[in-house]
């Protein structure tokens, strides 16, 4: 058996969204699930806490929603900058070790900055 060390993600967070969160209102009555836009918002929040509040979302690539996220589930967020692509961040949301959402986020400096 071969084993290898997997480095910890640069950006990591763990959250749980309560059932009474506005994110679940109307999505869907009797069968609540966290909308995709909310999942992406959670990733951006984690990125901003780690890299700075001024970071903004510029684009998305290869985003896949593979599992429904329900109220109160513990969501593990992991994200890593892609070294060969400045501003590109690979992310994944996991529920109990199962991939719920993954993709690439292209980030940029705040609007109006010279960076």
PDB file of N, CA and C in Angstrom:
ATOM      1  N   UNK A   1       0.850  -1.174   0.000  1.00  0.00           N
ATOM      2  CA  UNK A   1       0.000   0.000   0.000  1.00  0.00           C
ATOM      3  C   UNK A   1       0.894   1.236   0.000  1.00  0.00           C
ATOM      4  N   UNK A   2       0.537   2.197  -0.833  1.00  0.00           N
ATOM      5  CA  UNK A   2       1.284   3.444  -0.918  1.00  0.00           C
ATOM      6  C   UNK A   2       0.490   4.540  -0.238  1.00  0.00           C
ATOM      7  N   UNK A   3       1.189   5.367   0.488  1.00  0.00           N
ATOM      8  CA  UNK A   3       0.514   6.483   1.137  1.00  0.00           C
ATOM      9  C   UNK A   3       1.284   7.749   0.829  1.00  0.00           C
ATOM     10  N   UNK A   4       0.565   8.844   0.743  1.00  0.00           N
ATOM     11  CA  UNK A   4       1.231  10.122   0.509  1.00  0.00           C
ATOM     12  C   UNK A   4       0.587  11.170   1.390  1.00  0.00           C
ATOM     13  N   UNK A   5       1.387  12.138   1.753  1.00  0.00           N
ATOM     14  CA  UNK A   5       0.884  13.243   2.564  1.00  0.00           C
ATOM     15  C   UNK A   5       0.098  14.191   1.669  1.00  0.00           C
ATOM     16  N   UNK A   6      -1.082  14.542   2.100  1.00  0.00           N
ATOM     17  CA  UNK A   6      -1.892  15.517   1.380  1.00  0.00           C
ATOM     18  C   UNK A   6      -1.832  16.807   2.184  1.00  0.00           C
ATOM     19  N   UNK A   7      -1.320  17.887   1.588  1.00  0.00           N
ATOM     20  CA  UNK A   7      -1.201  19.134   2.343  1.00  0.00           C
ATOM     21  C   UNK A   7      -2.569  19.697   2.717  1.00  0.00           C
ATOM     22  N   UNK A   8      -2.613  20.336   3.859  1.00  0.00           N
ATOM     23  CA  UNK A   8      -3.851  20.987   4.288  1.00  0.00           C
ATOM     24  C   UNK A   8      -4.153  22.151   3.353  1.00  0.00           C
ATOM     25  N   UNK A   9      -5.440  22.431   3.135  1.00  0.00           N
ATOM     26  CA  UNK A   9      -5.774  23.561   2.263  1.00  0.00           C
ATOM     27  C   UNK A   9      -5.309  24.883   2.871  1.00  0.00           C
ATOM     28  N   UNK A  10      -4.993  25.821   2.000  1.00  0.00           N
ATOM     29  CA  UNK A  10      -4.588  27.150   2.436  1.00  0.00           C
ATOM     30  C   UNK A  10      -5.741  27.851   3.138  1.00  0.00           C
ATOM     31  N   UNK A  11      -6.937  27.671   2.603  1.00  0.00           N
ATOM     32  CA  UNK A  11      -8.138  28.300   3.150  1.00  0.00           C
ATOM     33  C   UNK A  11      -9.065  27.182   3.593  1.00  0.00           C
ATOM     34  N   UNK A  12      -9.452  27.193   4.859  1.00  0.00           N
ATOM     35  CA  UNK A  12     -10.337  26.154   5.371  1.00  0.00           C
ATOM     36  C   UNK A  12     -11.332  26.777   6.340  1.00  0.00           C
ATOM     37  N   UNK A  13     -12.556  26.303   6.265  1.00  0.00           N
ATOM     38  CA  UNK A  13     -13.605  26.792   7.160  1.00  0.00           C
ATOM     39  C   UNK A  13     -14.628  25.682   7.333  1.00  0.00           C
ATOM     40  N   UNK A  14     -15.410  25.806   8.371  1.00  0.00           N
ATOM     41  CA  UNK A  14     -16.482  24.854   8.631  1.00  0.00           C
ATOM     42  C   UNK A  14     -17.691  25.655   9.089  1.00  0.00           C
ATOM     43  N   UNK A  15     -18.817  25.440   8.433  1.00  0.00           N
ATOM     44  CA  UNK A  15     -20.029  26.183   8.771  1.00  0.00           C
ATOM     45  C   UNK A  15     -21.230  25.250   8.771  1.00  0.00           C
ATOM     46  N   UNK A  16     -22.282  25.706   9.421  1.00  0.00           N
ATOM     47  CA  UNK A  16     -23.566  25.020   9.418  1.00  0.00           C
ATOM     48  C   UNK A  16     -24.629  26.102   9.279  1.00  0.00           C
ATOM     49  N   UNK A  17     -25.534  25.925   8.340  1.00  0.00           N
ATOM     50  CA  UNK A  17     -26.560  26.935   8.088  1.00  0.00           C
ATOM     51  C   UNK A  17     -27.850  26.508   8.787  1.00  0.00           C
ATOM     52  N   UNK A  18     -28.372  27.343   9.696  1.00  0.00           N
ATOM     53  CA  UNK A  18     -29.592  26.973  10.415  1.00  0.00           C
ATOM     54  C   UNK A  18     -30.810  26.913   9.492  1.00  0.00           C
ATOM     55  N   UNK A  19     -31.776  26.108   9.878  1.00  0.00           N
ATOM     56  CA  UNK A  19     -32.987  25.905   9.069  1.00  0.00           C
ATOM     57  C   UNK A  19     -33.760  27.196   8.846  1.00  0.00           C
ATOM     58  N   UNK A  20     -33.653  28.165   9.776  1.00  0.00           N
ATOM     59  CA  UNK A  20     -34.409  29.415   9.628  1.00  0.00           C
ATOM     60  C   UNK A  20     -33.641  30.482   8.837  1.00  0.00           C
ATOM     61  N   UNK A  21     -32.515  30.110   8.233  1.00  0.00           N
ATOM     62  CA  UNK A  21     -31.740  31.056   7.427  1.00  0.00           C
ATOM     63  C   UNK A  21     -32.549  31.526   6.220  1.00  0.00           C
ATOM     64  N   UNK A  22     -32.431  32.807   5.862  1.00  0.00           N
ATOM     65  CA  UNK A  22     -33.117  33.310   4.660  1.00  0.00           C
ATOM     66  C   UNK A  22     -32.722  32.553   3.389  1.00  0.00           C
ATOM     67  N   UNK A  23     -31.534  31.927   3.384  1.00  0.00           N
ATOM     68  CA  UNK A  23     -31.118  31.168   2.198  1.00  0.00           C
ATOM     69  C   UNK A  23     -32.110  30.052   1.858  1.00  0.00           C
ATOM     70  N   UNK A  24     -32.809  29.524   2.860  1.00  0.00           N
ATOM     71  CA  UNK A  24     -33.720  28.401   2.617  1.00  0.00           C
ATOM     72  C   UNK A  24     -35.146  28.840   2.294  1.00  0.00           C
ATOM     73  N   UNK A  25     -35.458  30.118   2.462  1.00  0.00           N
ATOM     74  CA  UNK A  25     -36.820  30.591   2.211  1.00  0.00           C
ATOM     75  C   UNK A  25     -37.183  30.388   0.746  1.00  0.00           C
ATOM     76  N   UNK A  26     -38.210  29.584   0.507  1.00  0.00           N
ATOM     77  CA  UNK A  26     -38.690  29.336  -0.839  1.00  0.00           C
ATOM     78  C   UNK A  26     -37.818  28.385  -1.643  1.00  0.00           C
ATOM     79  N   UNK A  27     -36.841  27.766  -1.012  1.00  0.00           N
ATOM     80  CA  UNK A  27     -35.917  26.897  -1.758  1.00  0.00           C
ATOM     81  C   UNK A  27     -35.759  25.566  -1.030  1.00  0.00           C
ATOM     82  N   UNK A  28     -36.540  24.713  -0.947  1.00  0.00           N
ATOM     83  CA  UNK A  28     -37.911  24.594  -1.453  1.00  0.00           C
ATOM     84  C   UNK A  28     -38.794  24.205  -0.285  1.00  0.00           C
ATOM     85  N   UNK A  29     -40.026  24.720  -0.218  1.00  0.00           N
ATOM     86  CA  UNK A  29     -40.913  24.399   0.906  1.00  0.00           C
ATOM     87  C   UNK A  29     -41.080  22.883   1.066  1.00  0.00           C
ATOM     88  N   UNK A  30     -40.845  22.401   2.276  1.00  0.00           N
ATOM     89  CA  UNK A  30     -40.973  20.978   2.564  1.00  0.00           C
ATOM     90  C   UNK A  30     -39.759  20.151   2.164  1.00  0.00           C
ATOM     91  N   UNK A  31     -38.840  20.729   1.408  1.00  0.00           N
ATOM     92  CA  UNK A  31     -37.642  20.024   0.961  1.00  0.00           C
ATOM     93  C   UNK A  31     -36.479  21.020   0.871  1.00  0.00           C
ATOM     94  N   UNK A  32     -36.098  21.632   2.018  1.00  0.00           N
ATOM     95  CA  UNK A  32     -35.102  22.709   1.979  1.00  0.00           C
ATOM     96  C   UNK A  32     -33.722  22.235   1.528  1.00  0.00           C
ATOM     97  N   UNK A  33     -33.127  23.028   0.642  1.00  0.00           N
ATOM     98  CA  UNK A  33     -31.760  22.772   0.185  1.00  0.00           C
ATOM     99  C   UNK A  33     -31.064  24.102  -0.042  1.00  0.00           C
ATOM    100  N   UNK A  34     -29.776  24.120   0.221  1.00  0.00           N
ATOM    101  CA  UNK A  34     -28.995  25.346   0.091  1.00  0.00           C
ATOM    102  C   UNK A  34     -28.769  25.651  -1.388  1.00  0.00           C
ATOM    103  N   UNK A  35     -29.221  26.820  -1.854  1.00  0.00           N
ATOM    104  CA  UNK A  35     -29.038  27.170  -3.266  1.00  0.00           C
ATOM    105  C   UNK A  35     -27.556  27.254  -3.645  1.00  0.00           C
ATOM    106  N   UNK A  36     -27.275  27.019  -4.903  1.00  0.00           N
ATOM    107  CA  UNK A  36     -25.906  27.083  -5.399  1.00  0.00           C
ATOM    108  C   UNK A  36     -25.253  28.429  -5.148  1.00  0.00           C
ATOM    109  N   UNK A  37     -26.002  29.508  -5.326  1.00  0.00           N
ATOM    110  CA  UNK A  37     -25.439  30.845  -5.109  1.00  0.00           C
ATOM    111  C   UNK A  37     -25.001  31.019  -3.656  1.00  0.00           C
ATOM    112  N   UNK A  38     -25.737  30.404  -2.726  1.00  0.00           N
ATOM    113  CA  UNK A  38     -25.366  30.472  -1.311  1.00  0.00           C
ATOM    114  C   UNK A  38     -24.075  29.695  -1.059  1.00  0.00           C
ATOM    115  N   UNK A  39     -23.913  28.571  -1.736  1.00  0.00           N
ATOM    116  CA  UNK A  39     -22.693  27.780  -1.585  1.00  0.00           C
ATOM    117  C   UNK A  39     -21.478  28.574  -2.068  1.00  0.00           C
ATOM    118  N   UNK A  40     -21.631  29.237  -3.199  1.00  0.00           N
ATOM    119  CA  UNK A  40     -20.536  30.055  -3.730  1.00  0.00           C
ATOM    120  C   UNK A  40     -20.248  31.244  -2.812  1.00  0.00           C
ATOM    121  N   UNK A  41     -21.301  31.802  -2.213  1.00  0.00           N
ATOM    122  CA  UNK A  41     -21.146  32.903  -1.260  1.00  0.00           C
ATOM    123  C   UNK A  41     -20.317  32.443  -0.047  1.00  0.00           C
ATOM    124  N   UNK A  42     -20.575  31.232   0.441  1.00  0.00           N
ATOM    125  CA  UNK A  42     -19.808  30.702   1.570  1.00  0.00           C
ATOM    126  C   UNK A  42     -18.324  30.593   1.224  1.00  0.00           C
ATOM    127  N   UNK A  43     -18.041  30.146   0.008  1.00  0.00           N
ATOM    128  CA  UNK A  43     -16.642  30.037  -0.427  1.00  0.00           C
ATOM    129  C   UNK A  43     -15.997  31.419  -0.465  1.00  0.00           C
ATOM    130  N   UNK A  44     -16.681  32.400  -1.055  1.00  0.00           N
ATOM    131  CA  UNK A  44     -16.117  33.761  -1.125  1.00  0.00           C
ATOM    132  C   UNK A  44     -15.908  34.343   0.266  1.00  0.00           C
ATOM    133  N   UNK A  45     -16.827  34.078   1.189  1.00  0.00           N
ATOM    134  CA  UNK A  45     -16.641  34.549   2.566  1.00  0.00           C
ATOM    135  C   UNK A  45     -15.348  33.981   3.157  1.00  0.00           C
ATOM    136  N   UNK A  46     -15.117  32.682   2.964  1.00  0.00           N
ATOM    137  CA  UNK A  46     -13.906  32.049   3.496  1.00  0.00           C
ATOM    138  C   UNK A  46     -12.656  32.639   2.841  1.00  0.00           C
ATOM    139  N   UNK A  47     -12.722  32.883   1.540  1.00  0.00           N
ATOM    140  CA  UNK A  47     -11.590  33.478   0.825  1.00  0.00           C
ATOM    141  C   UNK A  47     -11.309  34.881   1.352  1.00  0.00           C
ATOM    142  N   UNK A  48     -12.348  35.666   1.553  1.00  0.00           N
ATOM    143  CA  UNK A  48     -12.162  37.045   2.030  1.00  0.00           C
ATOM    144  C   UNK A  48     -11.601  37.091   3.444  1.00  0.00           C
ATOM    145  N   UNK A  49     -12.022  36.168   4.295  1.00  0.00           N
ATOM    146  CA  UNK A  49     -11.475  36.122   5.653  1.00  0.00           C
ATOM    147  C   UNK A  49      -9.980  35.809   5.592  1.00  0.00           C
ATOM    148  N   UNK A  50      -9.603  34.916   4.708  1.00  0.00           N
ATOM    149  CA  UNK A  50      -8.209  34.496   4.609  1.00  0.00           C
ATOM    150  C   UNK A  50      -7.324  35.478   3.841  1.00  0.00           C
ATOM    151  N   UNK A  51      -7.818  35.975   2.711  1.00  0.00           N
ATOM    152  CA  UNK A  51      -6.983  36.789   1.824  1.00  0.00           C
ATOM    153  C   UNK A  51      -7.243  38.287   1.896  1.00  0.00           C
ATOM    154  N   UNK A  52      -8.334  38.678   2.515  1.00  0.00           N
ATOM    155  CA  UNK A  52      -8.644  40.099   2.637  1.00  0.00           C
ATOM    156  C   UNK A  52     -10.028  40.427   2.114  1.00  0.00           C
ATOM    157  N   UNK A  53     -10.686  41.321   2.812  1.00  0.00           N
ATOM    158  CA  UNK A  53     -12.067  41.686   2.479  1.00  0.00           C
ATOM    159  C   UNK A  53     -12.222  42.272   1.085  1.00  0.00           C
ATOM    160  N   UNK A  54     -11.163  42.853   0.560  1.00  0.00           N
ATOM    161  CA  UNK A  54     -11.276  43.512  -0.732  1.00  0.00           C
ATOM    162  C   UNK A  54     -11.299  42.578  -1.935  1.00  0.00           C
ATOM    163  N   UNK A  55     -10.987  41.303  -1.727  1.00  0.00           N
ATOM    164  CA  UNK A  55     -10.974  40.356  -2.842  1.00  0.00           C
ATOM    165  C   UNK A  55     -12.383  40.253  -3.426  1.00  0.00           C
ATOM    166  N   UNK A  56     -12.460  40.278  -4.755  1.00  0.00           N
ATOM    167  CA  UNK A  56     -13.784  40.158  -5.375  1.00  0.00           C
ATOM    168  C   UNK A  56     -13.794  39.006  -6.371  1.00  0.00           C
ATOM    169  N   UNK A  57     -14.983  38.484  -6.595  1.00  0.00           N
ATOM    170  CA  UNK A  57     -15.187  37.405  -7.555  1.00  0.00           C
ATOM    171  C   UNK A  57     -15.207  37.989  -8.958  1.00  0.00           C
ATOM    172  N   UNK A  58     -14.393  37.420  -9.842  1.00  0.00           N
ATOM    173  CA  UNK A  58     -14.315  37.881 -11.226  1.00  0.00           C
ATOM    174  C   UNK A  58     -14.932  36.846 -12.164  1.00  0.00           C
ATOM    175  N   UNK A  59     -14.795  35.566 -11.819  1.00  0.00           N
ATOM    176  CA  UNK A  59     -15.336  34.533 -12.694  1.00  0.00           C
ATOM    177  C   UNK A  59     -15.352  33.170 -12.026  1.00  0.00           C
ATOM    178  N   UNK A  60     -16.040  32.240 -12.675  1.00  0.00           N
ATOM    179  CA  UNK A  60     -16.158  30.865 -12.197  1.00  0.00           C
ATOM    180  C   UNK A  60     -15.858  29.916 -13.347  1.00  0.00           C
ATOM    181  N   UNK A  61     -15.248  28.776 -13.022  1.00  0.00           N
ATOM    182  CA  UNK A  61     -14.984  27.740 -14.020  1.00  0.00           C
ATOM    183  C   UNK A  61     -15.254  26.375 -13.408  1.00  0.00           C
ATOM    184  N   UNK A  62     -15.739  25.491 -14.228  1.00  0.00           N
ATOM    185  CA  UNK A  62     -15.922  24.080 -13.872  1.00  0.00           C
ATOM    186  C   UNK A  62     -16.619  23.867 -12.527  1.00  0.00           C
ATOM    187  N   UNK A  63     -17.616  24.661 -12.221  1.00  0.00           N
ATOM    188  CA  UNK A  63     -18.356  24.503 -10.970  1.00  0.00           C
ATOM    189  C   UNK A  63     -19.310  23.319 -11.125  1.00  0.00           C
ATOM    190  N   UNK A  64     -19.283  22.425 -10.149  1.00  0.00           N
ATOM    191  CA  UNK A  64     -20.139  21.241 -10.155  1.00  0.00           C
ATOM    192  C   UNK A  64     -20.849  21.137  -8.811  1.00  0.00           C
ATOM    193  N   UNK A  65     -22.158  20.989  -8.873  1.00  0.00           N
ATOM    194  CA  UNK A  65     -22.962  20.759  -7.675  1.00  0.00           C
ATOM    195  C   UNK A  65     -23.328  19.280  -7.688  1.00  0.00           C
ATOM    196  N   UNK A  66     -22.790  18.519  -6.739  1.00  0.00           N
ATOM    197  CA  UNK A  66     -22.927  17.066  -6.784  1.00  0.00           C
ATOM    198  C   UNK A  66     -23.789  16.482  -5.680  1.00  0.00           C
ATOM    199  N   UNK A  67     -24.096  17.281  -4.678  1.00  0.00           N
ATOM    200  CA  UNK A  67     -24.867  16.769  -3.549  1.00  0.00           C
ATOM    201  C   UNK A  67     -25.675  17.905  -2.961  1.00  0.00           C
ATOM    202  N   UNK A  68     -26.910  17.605  -2.601  1.00  0.00           N
ATOM    203  CA  UNK A  68     -27.775  18.595  -1.957  1.00  0.00           C
ATOM    204  C   UNK A  68     -27.242  18.871  -0.552  1.00  0.00           C
ATOM    205  N   UNK A  69     -27.238  20.153  -0.165  1.00  0.00           N
ATOM    206  CA  UNK A  69     -26.857  20.542   1.195  1.00  0.00           C
ATOM    207  C   UNK A  69     -28.124  20.954   1.931  1.00  0.00           C
ATOM    208  N   UNK A  70     -28.363  20.308   3.053  1.00  0.00           N
ATOM    209  CA  UNK A  70     -29.568  20.528   3.862  1.00  0.00           C
ATOM    210  C   UNK A  70     -29.257  21.433   5.063  1.00  0.00           C
ATOM    211  N   UNK A  71     -30.319  21.995   5.677  1.00  0.00           N
ATOM    212  CA  UNK A  71     -30.116  22.805   6.886  1.00  0.00           C
ATOM    213  C   UNK A  71     -29.404  21.994   7.974  1.00  0.00           C
ATOM    214  N   UNK A  72     -28.591  22.682   8.739  1.00  0.00           N
ATOM    215  CA  UNK A  72     -27.893  22.139   9.905  1.00  0.00           C
ATOM    216  C   UNK A  72     -26.745  21.189   9.571  1.00  0.00           C
ATOM    217  N   UNK A  73     -26.528  20.842   8.308  1.00  0.00           N
ATOM    218  CA  UNK A  73     -25.402  19.972   7.977  1.00  0.00           C
ATOM    219  C   UNK A  73     -24.095  20.754   8.140  1.00  0.00           C
ATOM    220  N   UNK A  74     -23.053  20.066   8.565  1.00  0.00           N
ATOM    221  CA  UNK A  74     -21.746  20.695   8.695  1.00  0.00           C
ATOM    222  C   UNK A  74     -21.068  20.696   7.330  1.00  0.00           C
ATOM    223  N   UNK A  75     -20.757  21.893   6.858  1.00  0.00           N
ATOM    224  CA  UNK A  75     -20.142  22.080   5.546  1.00  0.00           C
ATOM    225  C   UNK A  75     -18.667  22.401   5.758  1.00  0.00           C
ATOM    226  N   UNK A  76     -17.806  21.586   5.181  1.00  0.00           N
ATOM    227  CA  UNK A  76     -16.368  21.841   5.236  1.00  0.00           C
ATOM    228  C   UNK A  76     -15.961  22.519   3.935  1.00  0.00           C
ATOM    229  N   UNK A  77     -15.349  23.685   4.066  1.00  0.00           N
ATOM    230  CA  UNK A  77     -14.911  24.459   2.904  1.00  0.00           C
ATOM    231  C   UNK A  77     -13.390  24.388   2.840  1.00  0.00           C
ATOM    232  N   UNK A  78     -12.882  24.001   1.688  1.00  0.00           N
ATOM    233  CA  UNK A  78     -11.433  23.964   1.470  1.00  0.00           C
ATOM    234  C   UNK A  78     -11.137  24.686   0.163  1.00  0.00           C
ATOM    235  N   UNK A  79     -10.101  25.501   0.178  1.00  0.00           N
ATOM    236  CA  UNK A  79      -9.737  26.241  -1.034  1.00  0.00           C
ATOM    237  C   UNK A  79      -8.234  26.474  -1.060  1.00  0.00           C
ATOM    238  N   UNK A  80      -7.686  26.416  -2.258  1.00  0.00           N
ATOM    239  CA  UNK A  80      -6.254  26.631  -2.455  1.00  0.00           C
ATOM    240  C   UNK A  80      -6.019  27.472  -3.691  1.00  0.00           C
ATOM    241  N   UNK A  81      -5.153  28.473  -3.598  1.00  0.00           N
ATOM    242  CA  UNK A  81      -4.751  29.191  -4.806  1.00  0.00           C
ATOM    243  C   UNK A  81      -4.066  28.225  -5.781  1.00  0.00           C
ATOM    244  N   UNK A  82      -4.299  28.422  -7.055  1.00  0.00           N
ATOM    245  CA  UNK A  82      -3.644  27.628  -8.099  1.00  0.00           C
ATOM    246  C   UNK A  82      -2.336  28.351  -8.432  1.00  0.00           C
ATOM    247  N   UNK A  83      -1.181  27.776  -8.064  1.00  0.00           N
ATOM    248  CA  UNK A  83       0.096  28.494  -8.184  1.00  0.00           C
ATOM    249  C   UNK A  83       0.397  29.042  -9.575  1.00  0.00           C
ATOM    250  N   UNK A  84       0.081  28.287 -10.598  1.00  0.00           N
ATOM    251  CA  UNK A  84       0.423  28.720 -11.956  1.00  0.00           C
ATOM    252  C   UNK A  84      -0.583  29.696 -12.561  1.00  0.00           C
ATOM    253  N   UNK A  85      -1.658  30.011 -11.826  1.00  0.00           N
ATOM    254  CA  UNK A  85      -2.683  30.933 -12.338  1.00  0.00           C
ATOM    255  C   UNK A  85      -3.027  31.959 -11.261  1.00  0.00           C
ATOM    256  N   UNK A  86      -2.370  33.109 -11.238  1.00  0.00           N
ATOM    257  CA  UNK A  86      -2.635  34.135 -10.221  1.00  0.00           C
ATOM    258  C   UNK A  86      -4.116  34.515 -10.175  1.00  0.00           C
ATOM    259  N   UNK A  87      -4.651  34.554  -8.963  1.00  0.00           N
ATOM    260  CA  UNK A  87      -6.050  34.919  -8.766  1.00  0.00           C
ATOM    261  C   UNK A  87      -7.013  33.754  -8.863  1.00  0.00           C
ATOM    262  N   UNK A  88      -6.556  32.597  -9.350  1.00  0.00           N
ATOM    263  CA  UNK A  88      -7.420  31.423  -9.481  1.00  0.00           C
ATOM    264  C   UNK A  88      -7.360  30.612  -8.189  1.00  0.00           C
ATOM    265  N   UNK A  89      -8.537  30.231  -7.677  1.00  0.00           N
ATOM    266  CA  UNK A  89      -8.610  29.459  -6.440  1.00  0.00           C
ATOM    267  C   UNK A  89      -9.477  28.228  -6.678  1.00  0.00           C
ATOM    268  N   UNK A  90      -8.926  27.061  -6.381  1.00  0.00           N
ATOM    269  CA  UNK A  90      -9.658  25.798  -6.478  1.00  0.00           C
ATOM    270  C   UNK A  90     -10.383  25.586  -5.148  1.00  0.00           C
ATOM    271  N   UNK A  91     -11.675  25.264  -5.203  1.00  0.00           N
ATOM    272  CA  UNK A  91     -12.436  25.106  -3.965  1.00  0.00           C
ATOM    273  C   UNK A  91     -13.257  23.826  -3.970  1.00  0.00           C
ATOM    274  N   UNK A  92     -13.653  23.430  -2.759  1.00  0.00           N
ATOM    275  CA  UNK A  92     -14.498  22.257  -2.592  1.00  0.00           C
ATOM    276  C   UNK A  92     -15.299  22.411  -1.307  1.00  0.00           C
ATOM    277  N   UNK A  93     -16.564  22.034  -1.360  1.00  0.00           N
ATOM    278  CA  UNK A  93     -17.418  21.952  -0.185  1.00  0.00           C
ATOM    279  C   UNK A  93     -17.713  20.482   0.046  1.00  0.00           C
ATOM    280  N   UNK A  94     -17.509  20.028   1.285  1.00  0.00           N
ATOM    281  CA  UNK A  94     -17.707  18.619   1.623  1.00  0.00           C
ATOM    282  C   UNK A  94     -18.705  18.487   2.764  1.00  0.00           C
ATOM    283  N   UNK A  95     -19.508  17.435   2.691  1.00  0.00           N
ATOM    284  CA  UNK A  95     -20.425  17.064   3.772  1.00  0.00           C
ATOM    285  C   UNK A  95     -20.062  15.633   4.162  1.00  0.00           C
ATOM    286  N   UNK A  96     -19.621  15.436   5.390  1.00  0.00           N
ATOM    287  CA  UNK A  96     -19.240  14.108   5.881  1.00  0.00           C
ATOM    288  C   UNK A  96     -18.349  13.368   4.882  1.00  0.00           C
ATOM    289  N   UNK A  97     -17.359  14.064   4.347  1.00  0.00           N
ATOM    290  CA  UNK A  97     -16.412  13.464   3.425  1.00  0.00           C
ATOM    291  C   UNK A  97     -16.891  13.317   1.995  1.00  0.00           C
ATOM    292  N   UNK A  98     -18.110  13.729   1.713  1.00  0.00           N
ATOM    293  CA  UNK A  98     -18.670  13.621   0.362  1.00  0.00           C
ATOM    294  C   UNK A  98     -18.631  14.983  -0.333  1.00  0.00           C
ATOM    295  N   UNK A  99     -18.159  14.989  -1.568  1.00  0.00           N
ATOM    296  CA  UNK A  99     -18.072  16.226  -2.342  1.00  0.00           C
ATOM    297  C   UNK A  99     -19.472  16.750  -2.654  1.00  0.00           C
ATOM    298  N   UNK A 100     -19.771  17.956  -2.189  1.00  0.00           N
ATOM    299  CA  UNK A 100     -21.065  18.579  -2.474  1.00  0.00           C
ATOM    300  C   UNK A 100     -20.957  19.577  -3.617  1.00  0.00           C
ATOM    301  N   UNK A 101     -19.843  20.283  -3.684  1.00  0.00           N
ATOM    302  CA  UNK A 101     -19.655  21.309  -4.709  1.00  0.00           C
ATOM    303  C   UNK A 101     -18.160  21.539  -4.880  1.00  0.00           C
ATOM    304  N   UNK A 102     -17.739  21.776  -6.122  1.00  0.00           N
ATOM    305  CA  UNK A 102     -16.331  22.072  -6.367  1.00  0.00           C
ATOM    306  C   UNK A 102     -16.208  22.914  -7.623  1.00  0.00           C
ATOM    307  N   UNK A 103     -15.056  23.529  -7.771  1.00  0.00           N
ATOM    308  CA  UNK A 103     -14.820  24.326  -8.964  1.00  0.00           C
ATOM    309  C   UNK A 103     -13.635  25.249  -8.792  1.00  0.00           C
ATOM    310  N   UNK A 104     -13.562  26.216  -9.690  1.00  0.00           N
ATOM    311  CA  UNK A 104     -12.503  27.215  -9.681  1.00  0.00           C
ATOM    312  C   UNK A 104     -13.128  28.598  -9.623  1.00  0.00           C
ATOM    313  N   UNK A 105     -12.584  29.457  -8.774  1.00  0.00           N
ATOM    314  CA  UNK A 105     -13.008  30.852  -8.687  1.00  0.00           C
ATOM    315  C   UNK A 105     -11.851  31.726  -9.135  1.00  0.00           C
ATOM    316  N   UNK A 106     -12.143  32.651 -10.017  1.00  0.00           N
ATOM    317  CA  UNK A 106     -11.154  33.647 -10.403  1.00  0.00           C
ATOM    318  C   UNK A 106     -11.440  34.880  -9.567  1.00  0.00           C
ATOM    319  N   UNK A 107     -10.444  35.319  -8.802  1.00  0.00           N
ATOM    320  CA  UNK A 107     -10.609  36.477  -7.927  1.00  0.00           C
ATOM    321  C   UNK A 107      -9.753  37.626  -8.436  1.00  0.00           C
ATOM    322  N   UNK A 108     -10.128  38.814  -8.001  1.00  0.00           N
ATOM    323  CA  UNK A 108      -9.390  40.003  -8.393  1.00  0.00           C
ATOM    324  C   UNK A 108      -9.376  41.024  -7.279  1.00  0.00           C
ATOM    325  N   UNK A 109      -8.632  42.104  -7.478  1.00  0.00           N
ATOM    326  CA  UNK A 109      -8.568  43.171  -6.479  1.00  0.00           C
ATOM    327  C   UNK A 109      -9.892  43.925  -6.421  1.00  0.00           C
ATOM    328  N   UNK A 110     -10.083  44.745  -5.398  1.00  0.00           N
ATOM    329  CA  UNK A 110     -11.316  45.531  -5.281  1.00  0.00           C
ATOM    330  C   UNK A 110     -11.525  46.428  -6.497  1.00  0.00           C
ATOM    331  N   UNK A 111     -12.772  46.731  -6.793  1.00  0.00           N
ATOM    332  CA  UNK A 111     -13.108  47.664  -7.878  1.00  0.00           C
ATOM    333  C   UNK A 111     -12.360  48.972  -7.664  1.00  0.00           C
ATOM    334  N   UNK A 112     -11.804  49.515  -8.728  1.00  0.00           N
ATOM    335  CA  UNK A 112     -11.161  50.817  -8.657  1.00  0.00           C
ATOM    336  C   UNK A 112      -9.743  50.812  -8.124  1.00  0.00           C
ATOM    337  N   UNK A 113      -9.232  49.631  -7.739  1.00  0.00           N
ATOM    338  CA  UNK A 113      -7.856  49.605  -7.229  1.00  0.00           C
ATOM    339  C   UNK A 113      -6.887  49.511  -8.405  1.00  0.00           C
ATOM    340  N   UNK A 114      -5.658  49.873  -8.155  1.00  0.00           N
ATOM    341  CA  UNK A 114      -4.632  49.822  -9.195  1.00  0.00           C
ATOM    342  C   UNK A 114      -3.880  48.498  -9.198  1.00  0.00           C
ATOM    343  N   UNK A 115      -4.269  47.588  -8.305  1.00  0.00           N
ATOM    344  CA  UNK A 115      -3.544  46.308  -8.187  1.00  0.00           C
ATOM    345  C   UNK A 115      -3.803  45.403  -9.357  1.00  0.00           C
TER     346      UNK A 115
END
